[in-house]
Amino acid sequence: MLKITEETLKDELESINELSLRQIIENHIRKTLCSGAPTPEQTASYVNMSYRTLQRRLADESTSYREILDNTCKNMATQLIETKKVPLIEVTFLLGFSDASSFSRSFKRWTRVTPARYHQG
């Protein structure tokens, strides 16, 4: 039993090590978004590094926290809207926005169309 647990933990650790910092942050954002987007400082703490180190490591991957957050929100929003099973107002709150107008502005910035127009297809 202990051997199986050790092997399982080793496999999980290896798969985590294969993830890029960007992927780890995307996963963290997805898990926490409905209660509000994590701050860069909270995310740095989550990955066990200082905020400045996080900035440098993301720059090494040619990205930034803001870019990852925006792309993750955009991808989640478009997926939720495309299913047409989740009302737009619910998408707003699932993505951690406090009101529909701020979500609509962000969505339009990401896609160049309003959520309602995107929903219509």
PDB file of N, CA and C in Angstrom:
ATOM      1  N   MET A   1       0.831  -1.192   0.000  1.00  0.00           N
ATOM      2  CA  MET A   1       0.000   0.000   0.000  1.00  0.00           C
ATOM      3  C   MET A   1       0.874   1.254   0.000  1.00  0.00           C
ATOM      4  N   LEU A   2       1.887   1.271   0.869  1.00  0.00           N
ATOM      5  CA  LEU A   2       2.780   2.426   0.944  1.00  0.00           C
ATOM      6  C   LEU A   2       3.524   2.612  -0.368  1.00  0.00           C
ATOM      7  N   LYS A   3       3.952   1.504  -0.979  1.00  0.00           N
ATOM      8  CA  LYS A   3       4.674   1.577  -2.253  1.00  0.00           C
ATOM      9  C   LYS A   3       3.793   2.182  -3.351  1.00  0.00           C
ATOM     10  N   ILE A   4       2.517   1.795  -3.383  1.00  0.00           N
ATOM     11  CA  ILE A   4       1.588   2.339  -4.380  1.00  0.00           C
ATOM     12  C   ILE A   4       1.423   3.839  -4.173  1.00  0.00           C
ATOM     13  N   THR A   5       1.285   4.252  -2.926  1.00  0.00           N
ATOM     14  CA  THR A   5       1.132   5.672  -2.617  1.00  0.00           C
ATOM     15  C   THR A   5       2.372   6.450  -3.024  1.00  0.00           C
ATOM     16  N   GLU A   6       3.543   5.912  -2.739  1.00  0.00           N
ATOM     17  CA  GLU A   6       4.790   6.575  -3.124  1.00  0.00           C
ATOM     18  C   GLU A   6       4.885   6.715  -4.638  1.00  0.00           C
ATOM     19  N   GLU A   7       4.527   5.670  -5.361  1.00  0.00           N
ATOM     20  CA  GLU A   7       4.578   5.715  -6.823  1.00  0.00           C
ATOM     21  C   GLU A   7       3.586   6.742  -7.372  1.00  0.00           C
ATOM     22  N   THR A   8       2.401   6.769  -6.788  1.00  0.00           N
ATOM     23  CA  THR A   8       1.392   7.740  -7.220  1.00  0.00           C
ATOM     24  C   THR A   8       1.887   9.158  -6.983  1.00  0.00           C
ATOM     25  N   LEU A   9       2.460   9.405  -5.817  1.00  0.00           N
ATOM     26  CA  LEU A   9       2.984  10.735  -5.505  1.00  0.00           C
ATOM     27  C   LEU A   9       4.127  11.114  -6.440  1.00  0.00           C
ATOM     28  N   LYS A  10       4.998  10.160  -6.748  1.00  0.00           N
ATOM     29  CA  LYS A  10       6.095  10.428  -7.684  1.00  0.00           C
ATOM     30  C   LYS A  10       5.559  10.811  -9.054  1.00  0.00           C
ATOM     31  N   ASP A  11       4.550  10.057  -9.523  1.00  0.00           N
ATOM     32  CA  ASP A  11       3.947  10.354 -10.829  1.00  0.00           C
ATOM     33  C   ASP A  11       3.328  11.746 -10.847  1.00  0.00           C
ATOM     34  N   GLU A  12       2.617  12.095  -9.770  1.00  0.00           N
ATOM     35  CA  GLU A  12       1.994  13.417  -9.699  1.00  0.00           C
ATOM     36  C   GLU A  12       3.051  14.513  -9.668  1.00  0.00           C
ATOM     37  N   LEU A  13       4.114  14.300  -8.914  1.00  0.00           N
ATOM     38  CA  LEU A  13       5.182  15.288  -8.823  1.00  0.00           C
ATOM     39  C   LEU A  13       5.858  15.480 -10.173  1.00  0.00           C
ATOM     40  N   GLU A  14       6.082  14.392 -10.896  1.00  0.00           N
ATOM     41  CA  GLU A  14       6.690  14.495 -12.227  1.00  0.00           C
ATOM     42  C   GLU A  14       5.792  15.270 -13.182  1.00  0.00           C
ATOM     43  N   SER A  15       4.482  15.024 -13.114  1.00  0.00           N
ATOM     44  CA  SER A  15       3.577  15.751 -14.014  1.00  0.00           C
ATOM     45  C   SER A  15       3.510  17.225 -13.646  1.00  0.00           C
ATOM     46  N   ILE A  16       3.604  17.546 -12.366  1.00  0.00           N
ATOM     47  CA  ILE A  16       3.637  18.951 -11.944  1.00  0.00           C
ATOM     48  C   ILE A  16       4.908  19.611 -12.443  1.00  0.00           C
ATOM     49  N   ASN A  17       6.026  18.916 -12.343  1.00  0.00           N
ATOM     50  CA  ASN A  17       7.297  19.478 -12.785  1.00  0.00           C
ATOM     51  C   ASN A  17       7.322  19.729 -14.288  1.00  0.00           C
ATOM     52  N   GLU A  18       6.500  19.011 -15.043  1.00  0.00           N
ATOM     53  CA  GLU A  18       6.449  19.194 -16.488  1.00  0.00           C
ATOM     54  C   GLU A  18       5.636  20.426 -16.884  1.00  0.00           C
ATOM     55  N   LEU A  19       4.818  20.939 -15.969  1.00  0.00           N
ATOM     56  CA  LEU A  19       4.015  22.121 -16.263  1.00  0.00           C
ATOM     57  C   LEU A  19       4.886  23.367 -16.244  1.00  0.00           C
ATOM     58  N   SER A  20       4.604  24.266 -17.148  1.00  0.00           N
ATOM     59  CA  SER A  20       5.313  25.544 -17.127  1.00  0.00           C
ATOM     60  C   SER A  20       4.717  26.403 -16.017  1.00  0.00           C
ATOM     61  N   LEU A  21       5.427  27.432 -15.642  1.00  0.00           N
ATOM     62  CA  LEU A  21       4.923  28.352 -14.632  1.00  0.00           C
ATOM     63  C   LEU A  21       3.598  28.946 -15.105  1.00  0.00           C
ATOM     64  N   ARG A  22       3.520  29.253 -16.381  1.00  0.00           N
ATOM     65  CA  ARG A  22       2.284  29.799 -16.959  1.00  0.00           C
ATOM     66  C   ARG A  22       1.108  28.845 -16.732  1.00  0.00           C
ATOM     67  N   GLN A  23       1.315  27.564 -16.978  1.00  0.00           N
ATOM     68  CA  GLN A  23       0.244  26.581 -16.811  1.00  0.00           C
ATOM     69  C   GLN A  23      -0.175  26.454 -15.349  1.00  0.00           C
ATOM     70  N   ILE A  24       0.791  26.499 -14.456  1.00  0.00           N
ATOM     71  CA  ILE A  24       0.486  26.422 -13.028  1.00  0.00           C
ATOM     72  C   ILE A  24      -0.366  27.618 -12.619  1.00  0.00           C
ATOM     73  N   ILE A  25       0.001  28.803 -13.099  1.00  0.00           N
ATOM     74  CA  ILE A  25      -0.748  30.014 -12.764  1.00  0.00           C
ATOM     75  C   ILE A  25      -2.142  29.968 -13.382  1.00  0.00           C
ATOM     76  N   GLU A  26      -2.254  29.517 -14.629  1.00  0.00           N
ATOM     77  CA  GLU A  26      -3.573  29.389 -15.268  1.00  0.00           C
ATOM     78  C   GLU A  26      -4.477  28.476 -14.452  1.00  0.00           C
ATOM     79  N   ASN A  27      -3.955  27.346 -14.014  1.00  0.00           N
ATOM     80  CA  ASN A  27      -4.743  26.413 -13.203  1.00  0.00           C
ATOM     81  C   ASN A  27      -5.179  27.061 -11.897  1.00  0.00           C
ATOM     82  N   HIS A  28      -4.263  27.793 -11.263  1.00  0.00           N
ATOM     83  CA  HIS A  28      -4.575  28.476 -10.004  1.00  0.00           C
ATOM     84  C   HIS A  28      -5.677  29.513 -10.220  1.00  0.00           C
ATOM     85  N   ILE A  29      -5.578  30.274 -11.288  1.00  0.00           N
ATOM     86  CA  ILE A  29      -6.591  31.293 -11.585  1.00  0.00           C
ATOM     87  C   ILE A  29      -7.942  30.631 -11.812  1.00  0.00           C
ATOM     88  N   ARG A  30      -7.975  29.561 -12.602  1.00  0.00           N
ATOM     89  CA  ARG A  30      -9.240  28.862 -12.878  1.00  0.00           C
ATOM     90  C   ARG A  30      -9.913  28.392 -11.592  1.00  0.00           C
ATOM     91  N   LYS A  31      -9.106  27.883 -10.670  1.00  0.00           N
ATOM     92  CA  LYS A  31      -9.653  27.338  -9.427  1.00  0.00           C
ATOM     93  C   LYS A  31     -10.186  28.421  -8.495  1.00  0.00           C
ATOM     94  N   THR A  32      -9.625  29.618  -8.557  1.00  0.00           N
ATOM     95  CA  THR A  32      -9.969  30.654  -7.583  1.00  0.00           C
ATOM     96  C   THR A  32     -10.796  31.796  -8.149  1.00  0.00           C
ATOM     97  N   LEU A  33     -11.023  31.810  -9.434  1.00  0.00           N
ATOM     98  CA  LEU A  33     -11.624  32.960 -10.109  1.00  0.00           C
ATOM     99  C   LEU A  33     -13.012  33.330  -9.603  1.00  0.00           C
ATOM    100  N   CYS A  34     -13.846  32.359  -9.302  1.00  0.00           N
ATOM    101  CA  CYS A  34     -15.220  32.686  -8.908  1.00  0.00           C
ATOM    102  C   CYS A  34     -15.276  33.481  -7.606  1.00  0.00           C
ATOM    103  N   SER A  35     -14.238  33.412  -6.807  1.00  0.00           N
ATOM    104  CA  SER A  35     -14.203  34.217  -5.579  1.00  0.00           C
ATOM    105  C   SER A  35     -13.366  35.476  -5.770  1.00  0.00           C
ATOM    106  N   GLY A  36     -13.045  35.794  -7.009  1.00  0.00           N
ATOM    107  CA  GLY A  36     -12.242  36.977  -7.317  1.00  0.00           C
ATOM    108  C   GLY A  36     -10.875  36.548  -7.813  1.00  0.00           C
ATOM    109  N   ALA A  37     -10.375  37.282  -8.777  1.00  0.00           N
ATOM    110  CA  ALA A  37      -9.065  36.940  -9.345  1.00  0.00           C
ATOM    111  C   ALA A  37      -7.981  37.096  -8.287  1.00  0.00           C
ATOM    112  N   PRO A  38      -7.091  36.129  -8.188  1.00  0.00           N
ATOM    113  CA  PRO A  38      -5.992  36.276  -7.232  1.00  0.00           C
ATOM    114  C   PRO A  38      -5.064  37.404  -7.677  1.00  0.00           C
ATOM    115  N   THR A  39      -4.519  38.109  -6.724  1.00  0.00           N
ATOM    116  CA  THR A  39      -3.574  39.177  -7.047  1.00  0.00           C
ATOM    117  C   THR A  39      -2.245  38.553  -7.464  1.00  0.00           C
ATOM    118  N   PRO A  40      -1.396  39.323  -8.130  1.00  0.00           N
ATOM    119  CA  PRO A  40      -0.070  38.786  -8.466  1.00  0.00           C
ATOM    120  C   PRO A  40       0.701  38.365  -7.211  1.00  0.00           C
ATOM    121  N   GLU A  41       0.539  39.118  -6.136  1.00  0.00           N
ATOM    122  CA  GLU A  41       1.233  38.778  -4.887  1.00  0.00           C
ATOM    123  C   GLU A  41       0.717  37.457  -4.314  1.00  0.00           C
ATOM    124  N   GLN A  42      -0.591  37.247  -4.349  1.00  0.00           N
ATOM    125  CA  GLN A  42      -1.162  35.980  -3.872  1.00  0.00           C
ATOM    126  C   GLN A  42      -0.687  34.815  -4.734  1.00  0.00           C
ATOM    127  N   THR A  43      -0.609  35.055  -6.023  1.00  0.00           N
ATOM    128  CA  THR A  43      -0.156  34.016  -6.943  1.00  0.00           C
ATOM    129  C   THR A  43       1.310  33.692  -6.709  1.00  0.00           C
ATOM    130  N   ALA A  44       2.118  34.715  -6.478  1.00  0.00           N
ATOM    131  CA  ALA A  44       3.536  34.488  -6.173  1.00  0.00           C
ATOM    132  C   ALA A  44       3.667  33.630  -4.921  1.00  0.00           C
ATOM    133  N   SER A  45       2.880  33.934  -3.915  1.00  0.00           N
ATOM    134  CA  SER A  45       2.898  33.148  -2.687  1.00  0.00           C
ATOM    135  C   SER A  45       2.465  31.706  -2.965  1.00  0.00           C
ATOM    136  N   TYR A  46       1.465  31.529  -3.815  1.00  0.00           N
ATOM    137  CA  TYR A  46       0.976  30.195  -4.171  1.00  0.00           C
ATOM    138  C   TYR A  46       2.074  29.349  -4.810  1.00  0.00           C
ATOM    139  N   VAL A  47       2.895  29.965  -5.664  1.00  0.00           N
ATOM    140  CA  VAL A  47       3.971  29.219  -6.321  1.00  0.00           C
ATOM    141  C   VAL A  47       5.274  29.294  -5.528  1.00  0.00           C
ATOM    142  N   ASN A  48       5.171  29.825  -4.317  1.00  0.00           N
ATOM    143  CA  ASN A  48       6.285  29.840  -3.371  1.00  0.00           C
ATOM    144  C   ASN A  48       7.487  30.639  -3.871  1.00  0.00           C
ATOM    145  N   MET A  49       7.219  31.853  -4.341  1.00  0.00           N
ATOM    146  CA  MET A  49       8.306  32.744  -4.734  1.00  0.00           C
ATOM    147  C   MET A  49       7.888  34.178  -4.465  1.00  0.00           C
ATOM    148  N   SER A  50       8.846  35.063  -4.494  1.00  0.00           N
ATOM    149  CA  SER A  50       8.531  36.476  -4.291  1.00  0.00           C
ATOM    150  C   SER A  50       7.840  37.027  -5.535  1.00  0.00           C
ATOM    151  N   TYR A  51       7.167  38.150  -5.363  1.00  0.00           N
ATOM    152  CA  TYR A  51       6.480  38.782  -6.485  1.00  0.00           C
ATOM    153  C   TYR A  51       7.472  39.148  -7.585  1.00  0.00           C
ATOM    154  N   ARG A  52       8.614  39.686  -7.206  1.00  0.00           N
ATOM    155  CA  ARG A  52       9.621  40.090  -8.192  1.00  0.00           C
ATOM    156  C   ARG A  52      10.169  38.876  -8.955  1.00  0.00           C
ATOM    157  N   THR A  53      10.394  37.771  -8.253  1.00  0.00           N
ATOM    158  CA  THR A  53      10.865  36.552  -8.916  1.00  0.00           C
ATOM    159  C   THR A  53       9.807  36.039  -9.885  1.00  0.00           C
ATOM    160  N   LEU A  54       8.548  36.107  -9.475  1.00  0.00           N
ATOM    161  CA  LEU A  54       7.462  35.708 -10.368  1.00  0.00           C
ATOM    162  C   LEU A  54       7.484  36.556 -11.636  1.00  0.00           C
ATOM    163  N   GLN A  55       7.646  37.860 -11.492  1.00  0.00           N
ATOM    164  CA  GLN A  55       7.716  38.745 -12.661  1.00  0.00           C
ATOM    165  C   GLN A  55       8.862  38.342 -13.591  1.00  0.00           C
ATOM    166  N   ARG A  56      10.031  38.081 -13.005  1.00  0.00           N
ATOM    167  CA  ARG A  56      11.197  37.706 -13.820  1.00  0.00           C
ATOM    168  C   ARG A  56      10.976  36.381 -14.532  1.00  0.00           C
ATOM    169  N   ARG A  57      10.456  35.399 -13.809  1.00  0.00           N
ATOM    170  CA  ARG A  57      10.228  34.076 -14.405  1.00  0.00           C
ATOM    171  C   ARG A  57       9.200  34.147 -15.530  1.00  0.00           C
ATOM    172  N   LEU A  58       8.159  34.948 -15.338  1.00  0.00           N
ATOM    173  CA  LEU A  58       7.161  35.102 -16.402  1.00  0.00           C
ATOM    174  C   LEU A  58       7.749  35.847 -17.592  1.00  0.00           C
ATOM    175  N   ALA A  59       8.603  36.827 -17.331  1.00  0.00           N
ATOM    176  CA  ALA A  59       9.278  37.539 -18.425  1.00  0.00           C
ATOM    177  C   ALA A  59      10.155  36.569 -19.212  1.00  0.00           C
ATOM    178  N   ASP A  60      10.782  35.619 -18.509  1.00  0.00           N
ATOM    179  CA  ASP A  60      11.580  34.590 -19.189  1.00  0.00           C
ATOM    180  C   ASP A  60      10.710  33.745 -20.123  1.00  0.00           C
ATOM    181  N   GLU A  61       9.427  33.599 -19.781  1.00  0.00           N
ATOM    182  CA  GLU A  61       8.484  32.857 -20.622  1.00  0.00           C
ATOM    183  C   GLU A  61       7.757  33.795 -21.590  1.00  0.00           C
ATOM    184  N   SER A  62       8.234  35.028 -21.685  1.00  0.00           N
ATOM    185  CA  SER A  62       7.661  36.049 -22.585  1.00  0.00           C
ATOM    186  C   SER A  62       6.188  36.324 -22.312  1.00  0.00           C
ATOM    187  N   THR A  63       5.853  36.440 -21.042  1.00  0.00           N
ATOM    188  CA  THR A  63       4.480  36.745 -20.660  1.00  0.00           C
ATOM    189  C   THR A  63       4.469  37.565 -19.380  1.00  0.00           C
ATOM    190  N   SER A  64       3.290  37.885 -18.899  1.00  0.00           N
ATOM    191  CA  SER A  64       3.129  38.613 -17.644  1.00  0.00           C
ATOM    192  C   SER A  64       1.908  38.060 -16.922  1.00  0.00           C
ATOM    193  N   TYR A  65       1.788  38.403 -15.644  1.00  0.00           N
ATOM    194  CA  TYR A  65       0.630  37.948 -14.876  1.00  0.00           C
ATOM    195  C   TYR A  65      -0.662  38.467 -15.506  1.00  0.00           C
ATOM    196  N   ARG A  66      -0.677  39.734 -15.882  1.00  0.00           N
ATOM    197  CA  ARG A  66      -1.875  40.352 -16.465  1.00  0.00           C
ATOM    198  C   ARG A  66      -2.303  39.628 -17.750  1.00  0.00           C
ATOM    199  N   GLU A  67      -1.322  39.279 -18.575  1.00  0.00           N
ATOM    200  CA  GLU A  67      -1.620  38.569 -19.823  1.00  0.00           C
ATOM    201  C   GLU A  67      -2.219  37.190 -19.542  1.00  0.00           C
ATOM    202  N   ILE A  68      -1.653  36.485 -18.574  1.00  0.00           N
ATOM    203  CA  ILE A  68      -2.169  35.160 -18.219  1.00  0.00           C
ATOM    204  C   ILE A  68      -3.587  35.281 -17.670  1.00  0.00           C
ATOM    205  N   LEU A  69      -3.802  36.253 -16.789  1.00  0.00           N
ATOM    206  CA  LEU A  69      -5.129  36.458 -16.211  1.00  0.00           C
ATOM    207  C   LEU A  69      -6.147  36.781 -17.302  1.00  0.00           C
ATOM    208  N   ASP A  70      -5.811  37.709 -18.178  1.00  0.00           N
ATOM    209  CA  ASP A  70      -6.723  38.084 -19.264  1.00  0.00           C
ATOM    210  C   ASP A  70      -7.036  36.896 -20.175  1.00  0.00           C
ATOM    211  N   ASN A  71      -6.010  36.160 -20.583  1.00  0.00           N
ATOM    212  CA  ASN A  71      -6.227  35.014 -21.476  1.00  0.00           C
ATOM    213  C   ASN A  71      -7.060  33.924 -20.812  1.00  0.00           C
ATOM    214  N   THR A  72      -6.808  33.685 -19.534  1.00  0.00           N
ATOM    215  CA  THR A  72      -7.568  32.668 -18.807  1.00  0.00           C
ATOM    216  C   THR A  72      -9.030  33.078 -18.698  1.00  0.00           C
ATOM    217  N   CYS A  73      -9.273  34.336 -18.333  1.00  0.00           N
ATOM    218  CA  CYS A  73     -10.655  34.834 -18.233  1.00  0.00           C
ATOM    219  C   CYS A  73     -11.348  34.789 -19.589  1.00  0.00           C
ATOM    220  N   LYS A  74     -10.650  35.224 -20.613  1.00  0.00           N
ATOM    221  CA  LYS A  74     -11.226  35.219 -21.967  1.00  0.00           C
ATOM    222  C   LYS A  74     -11.611  33.799 -22.377  1.00  0.00           C
ATOM    223  N   ASN A  75     -10.696  32.855 -22.189  1.00  0.00           N
ATOM    224  CA  ASN A  75     -10.965  31.466 -22.578  1.00  0.00           C
ATOM    225  C   ASN A  75     -12.134  30.876 -21.798  1.00  0.00           C
ATOM    226  N   MET A  76     -12.166  31.141 -20.492  1.00  0.00           N
ATOM    227  CA  MET A  76     -13.268  30.629 -19.680  1.00  0.00           C
ATOM    228  C   MET A  76     -14.590  31.265 -20.098  1.00  0.00           C
ATOM    229  N   ALA A  77     -14.574  32.572 -20.338  1.00  0.00           N
ATOM    230  CA  ALA A  77     -15.799  33.281 -20.730  1.00  0.00           C
ATOM    231  C   ALA A  77     -16.336  32.749 -22.052  1.00  0.00           C
ATOM    232  N   THR A  78     -15.467  32.623 -23.041  1.00  0.00           N
ATOM    233  CA  THR A  78     -15.940  32.153 -24.350  1.00  0.00           C
ATOM    234  C   THR A  78     -16.456  30.717 -24.268  1.00  0.00           C
ATOM    235  N   GLN A  79     -15.789  29.879 -23.486  1.00  0.00           N
ATOM    236  CA  GLN A  79     -16.258  28.494 -23.335  1.00  0.00           C
ATOM    237  C   GLN A  79     -17.632  28.449 -22.674  1.00  0.00           C
ATOM    238  N   LEU A  80     -17.801  29.237 -21.607  1.00  0.00           N
ATOM    239  CA  LEU A  80     -19.084  29.243 -20.904  1.00  0.00           C
ATOM    240  C   LEU A  80     -20.205  29.786 -21.790  1.00  0.00           C
ATOM    241  N   ILE A  81     -19.912  30.844 -22.525  1.00  0.00           N
ATOM    242  CA  ILE A  81     -20.936  31.445 -23.386  1.00  0.00           C
ATOM    243  C   ILE A  81     -21.277  30.516 -24.548  1.00  0.00           C
ATOM    244  N   GLU A  82     -20.285  29.846 -25.101  1.00  0.00           N
ATOM    245  CA  GLU A  82     -20.525  28.946 -26.235  1.00  0.00           C
ATOM    246  C   GLU A  82     -21.425  27.769 -25.878  1.00  0.00           C
ATOM    247  N   THR A  83     -21.403  27.344 -24.624  1.00  0.00           N
ATOM    248  CA  THR A  83     -22.274  26.230 -24.226  1.00  0.00           C
ATOM    249  C   THR A  83     -23.740  26.631 -24.261  1.00  0.00           C
ATOM    250  N   LYS A  84     -24.001  27.923 -24.112  1.00  0.00           N
ATOM    251  CA  LYS A  84     -25.364  28.489 -24.101  1.00  0.00           C
ATOM    252  C   LYS A  84     -26.222  27.883 -22.998  1.00  0.00           C
ATOM    253  N   LYS A  85     -25.584  27.276 -22.007  1.00  0.00           N
ATOM    254  CA  LYS A  85     -26.312  26.694 -20.881  1.00  0.00           C
ATOM    255  C   LYS A  85     -26.226  27.583 -19.645  1.00  0.00           C
ATOM    256  N   VAL A  86     -25.289  28.522 -19.664  1.00  0.00           N
ATOM    257  CA  VAL A  86     -25.070  29.385 -18.512  1.00  0.00           C
ATOM    258  C   VAL A  86     -25.516  30.800 -18.881  1.00  0.00           C
ATOM    259  N   PRO A  87     -26.453  31.381 -18.126  1.00  0.00           N
ATOM    260  CA  PRO A  87     -26.873  32.752 -18.417  1.00  0.00           C
ATOM    261  C   PRO A  87     -25.688  33.719 -18.327  1.00  0.00           C
ATOM    262  N   LEU A  88     -25.717  34.756 -19.151  1.00  0.00           N
ATOM    263  CA  LEU A  88     -24.603  35.711 -19.190  1.00  0.00           C
ATOM    264  C   LEU A  88     -24.325  36.329 -17.828  1.00  0.00           C
ATOM    265  N   ILE A  89     -25.364  36.635 -17.071  1.00  0.00           N
ATOM    266  CA  ILE A  89     -25.145  37.247 -15.755  1.00  0.00           C
ATOM    267  C   ILE A  89     -24.401  36.279 -14.834  1.00  0.00           C
ATOM    268  N   GLU A  90     -24.667  34.991 -14.991  1.00  0.00           N
ATOM    269  CA  GLU A  90     -23.969  33.994 -14.177  1.00  0.00           C
ATOM    270  C   GLU A  90     -22.500  33.880 -14.594  1.00  0.00           C
ATOM    271  N   VAL A  91     -22.235  33.981 -15.884  1.00  0.00           N
ATOM    272  CA  VAL A  91     -20.851  33.977 -16.377  1.00  0.00           C
ATOM    273  C   VAL A  91     -20.087  35.126 -15.727  1.00  0.00           C
ATOM    274  N   THR A  92     -20.751  36.281 -15.639  1.00  0.00           N
ATOM    275  CA  THR A  92     -20.144  37.462 -15.017  1.00  0.00           C
ATOM    276  C   THR A  92     -19.608  37.132 -13.633  1.00  0.00           C
ATOM    277  N   PHE A  93     -20.447  36.526 -12.804  1.00  0.00           N
ATOM    278  CA  PHE A  93     -20.056  36.257 -11.423  1.00  0.00           C
ATOM    279  C   PHE A  93     -19.139  35.043 -11.296  1.00  0.00           C
ATOM    280  N   LEU A  94     -19.287  34.062 -12.179  1.00  0.00           N
ATOM    281  CA  LEU A  94     -18.382  32.906 -12.162  1.00  0.00           C
ATOM    282  C   LEU A  94     -16.940  33.323 -12.441  1.00  0.00           C
ATOM    283  N   LEU A  95     -16.787  34.392 -13.216  1.00  0.00           N
ATOM    284  CA  LEU A  95     -15.448  34.867 -13.551  1.00  0.00           C
ATOM    285  C   LEU A  95     -14.938  35.918 -12.573  1.00  0.00           C
ATOM    286  N   GLY A  96     -15.691  36.153 -11.501  1.00  0.00           N
ATOM    287  CA  GLY A  96     -15.222  37.045 -10.453  1.00  0.00           C
ATOM    288  C   GLY A  96     -15.479  38.521 -10.685  1.00  0.00           C
ATOM    289  N   PHE A  97     -16.273  38.857 -11.692  1.00  0.00           N
ATOM    290  CA  PHE A  97     -16.612  40.265 -11.925  1.00  0.00           C
ATOM    291  C   PHE A  97     -17.724  40.670 -10.969  1.00  0.00           C
ATOM    292  N   SER A  98     -17.688  41.919 -10.526  1.00  0.00           N
ATOM    293  CA  SER A  98     -18.685  42.378  -9.561  1.00  0.00           C
ATOM    294  C   SER A  98     -19.975  42.844 -10.223  1.00  0.00           C
ATOM    295  N   ASP A  99     -19.902  43.190 -11.507  1.00  0.00           N
ATOM    296  CA  ASP A  99     -21.120  43.614 -12.205  1.00  0.00           C
ATOM    297  C   ASP A  99     -21.006  43.311 -13.697  1.00  0.00           C
ATOM    298  N   ALA A 100     -22.167  43.315 -14.350  1.00  0.00           N
ATOM    299  CA  ALA A 100     -22.237  42.942 -15.760  1.00  0.00           C
ATOM    300  C   ALA A 100     -21.521  43.934 -16.665  1.00  0.00           C
ATOM    301  N   SER A 101     -21.539  45.212 -16.308  1.00  0.00           N
ATOM    302  CA  SER A 101     -20.919  46.206 -17.193  1.00  0.00           C
ATOM    303  C   SER A 101     -19.400  46.050 -17.241  1.00  0.00           C
ATOM    304  N   SER A 102     -18.779  45.748 -16.112  1.00  0.00           N
ATOM    305  CA  SER A 102     -17.318  45.565 -16.136  1.00  0.00           C
ATOM    306  C   SER A 102     -16.947  44.293 -16.901  1.00  0.00           C
ATOM    307  N   PHE A 103     -17.765  43.243 -16.759  1.00  0.00           N
ATOM    308  CA  PHE A 103     -17.524  42.030 -17.540  1.00  0.00           C
ATOM    309  C   PHE A 103     -17.689  42.316 -19.029  1.00  0.00           C
ATOM    310  N   SER A 104     -18.744  43.047 -19.368  1.00  0.00           N
ATOM    311  CA  SER A 104     -19.013  43.357 -20.769  1.00  0.00           C
ATOM    312  C   SER A 104     -17.865  44.155 -21.394  1.00  0.00           C
ATOM    313  N   ARG A 105     -17.347  45.129 -20.654  1.00  0.00           N
ATOM    314  CA  ARG A 105     -16.209  45.915 -21.161  1.00  0.00           C
ATOM    315  C   ARG A 105     -14.990  45.035 -21.388  1.00  0.00           C
ATOM    316  N   SER A 106     -14.693  44.177 -20.426  1.00  0.00           N
ATOM    317  CA  SER A 106     -13.541  43.281 -20.567  1.00  0.00           C
ATOM    318  C   SER A 106     -13.743  42.315 -21.723  1.00  0.00           C
ATOM    319  N   PHE A 107     -14.925  41.745 -21.821  1.00  0.00           N
ATOM    320  CA  PHE A 107     -15.201  40.787 -22.890  1.00  0.00           C
ATOM    321  C   PHE A 107     -15.061  41.445 -24.257  1.00  0.00           C
ATOM    322  N   LYS A 108     -15.547  42.674 -24.362  1.00  0.00           N
ATOM    323  CA  LYS A 108     -15.450  43.388 -25.637  1.00  0.00           C
ATOM    324  C   LYS A 108     -13.990  43.701 -25.964  1.00  0.00           C
ATOM    325  N   ARG A 109     -13.193  43.988 -24.946  1.00  0.00           N
ATOM    326  CA  ARG A 109     -11.757  44.227 -25.155  1.00  0.00           C
ATOM    327  C   ARG A 109     -11.075  42.949 -25.655  1.00  0.00           C
ATOM    328  N   TRP A 110     -11.484  41.805 -25.123  1.00  0.00           N
ATOM    329  CA  TRP A 110     -10.877  40.533 -25.513  1.00  0.00           C
ATOM    330  C   TRP A 110     -11.306  40.078 -26.901  1.00  0.00           C
ATOM    331  N   THR A 111     -12.576  40.265 -27.228  1.00  0.00           N
ATOM    332  CA  THR A 111     -13.125  39.646 -28.440  1.00  0.00           C
ATOM    333  C   THR A 111     -13.617  40.638 -29.491  1.00  0.00           C
ATOM    334  N   ARG A 112     -13.698  41.895 -29.126  1.00  0.00           N
ATOM    335  CA  ARG A 112     -14.210  42.971 -29.995  1.00  0.00           C
ATOM    336  C   ARG A 112     -15.712  42.874 -30.274  1.00  0.00           C
ATOM    337  N   VAL A 113     -16.411  42.034 -29.519  1.00  0.00           N
ATOM    338  CA  VAL A 113     -17.876  41.988 -29.578  1.00  0.00           C
ATOM    339  C   VAL A 113     -18.418  41.897 -28.153  1.00  0.00           C
ATOM    340  N   THR A 114     -19.675  42.265 -27.973  1.00  0.00           N
ATOM    341  CA  THR A 114     -20.279  42.174 -26.645  1.00  0.00           C
ATOM    342  C   THR A 114     -20.593  40.717 -26.316  1.00  0.00           C
ATOM    343  N   PRO A 115     -20.728  40.399 -25.029  1.00  0.00           N
ATOM    344  CA  PRO A 115     -21.099  39.026 -24.665  1.00  0.00           C
ATOM    345  C   PRO A 115     -22.429  38.599 -25.294  1.00  0.00           C
ATOM    346  N   ALA A 116     -23.390  39.512 -25.353  1.00  0.00           N
ATOM    347  CA  ALA A 116     -24.698  39.172 -25.931  1.00  0.00           C
ATOM    348  C   ALA A 116     -24.566  38.822 -27.413  1.00  0.00           C
ATOM    349  N   ARG A 117     -23.793  39.600 -28.136  1.00  0.00           N
ATOM    350  CA  ARG A 117     -23.608  39.326 -29.566  1.00  0.00           C
ATOM    351  C   ARG A 117     -22.857  38.001 -29.750  1.00  0.00           C
ATOM    352  N   TYR A 118     -21.842  37.761 -28.926  1.00  0.00           N
ATOM    353  CA  TYR A 118     -21.082  36.506 -29.000  1.00  0.00           C
ATOM    354  C   TYR A 118     -22.013  35.324 -28.719  1.00  0.00           C
ATOM    355  N   HIS A 119     -22.901  35.502 -27.749  1.00  0.00           N
ATOM    356  CA  HIS A 119     -23.845  34.456 -27.360  1.00  0.00           C
ATOM    357  C   HIS A 119     -24.794  34.110 -28.502  1.00  0.00           C
ATOM    358  N   GLN A 120     -25.151  35.110 -29.298  1.00  0.00           N
ATOM    359  CA  GLN A 120     -26.062  34.890 -30.427  1.00  0.00           C
ATOM    360  C   GLN A 120     -25.400  34.083 -31.543  1.00  0.00           C
ATOM    361  N   GLY A 121     -24.083  34.120 -31.556  1.00  0.00           N
ATOM    362  CA  GLY A 121     -23.363  33.331 -32.554  1.00  0.00           C
ATOM    363  C   GLY A 121     -23.007  34.145 -33.713  1.00  0.00           C
TER     364      GLY A 121
END
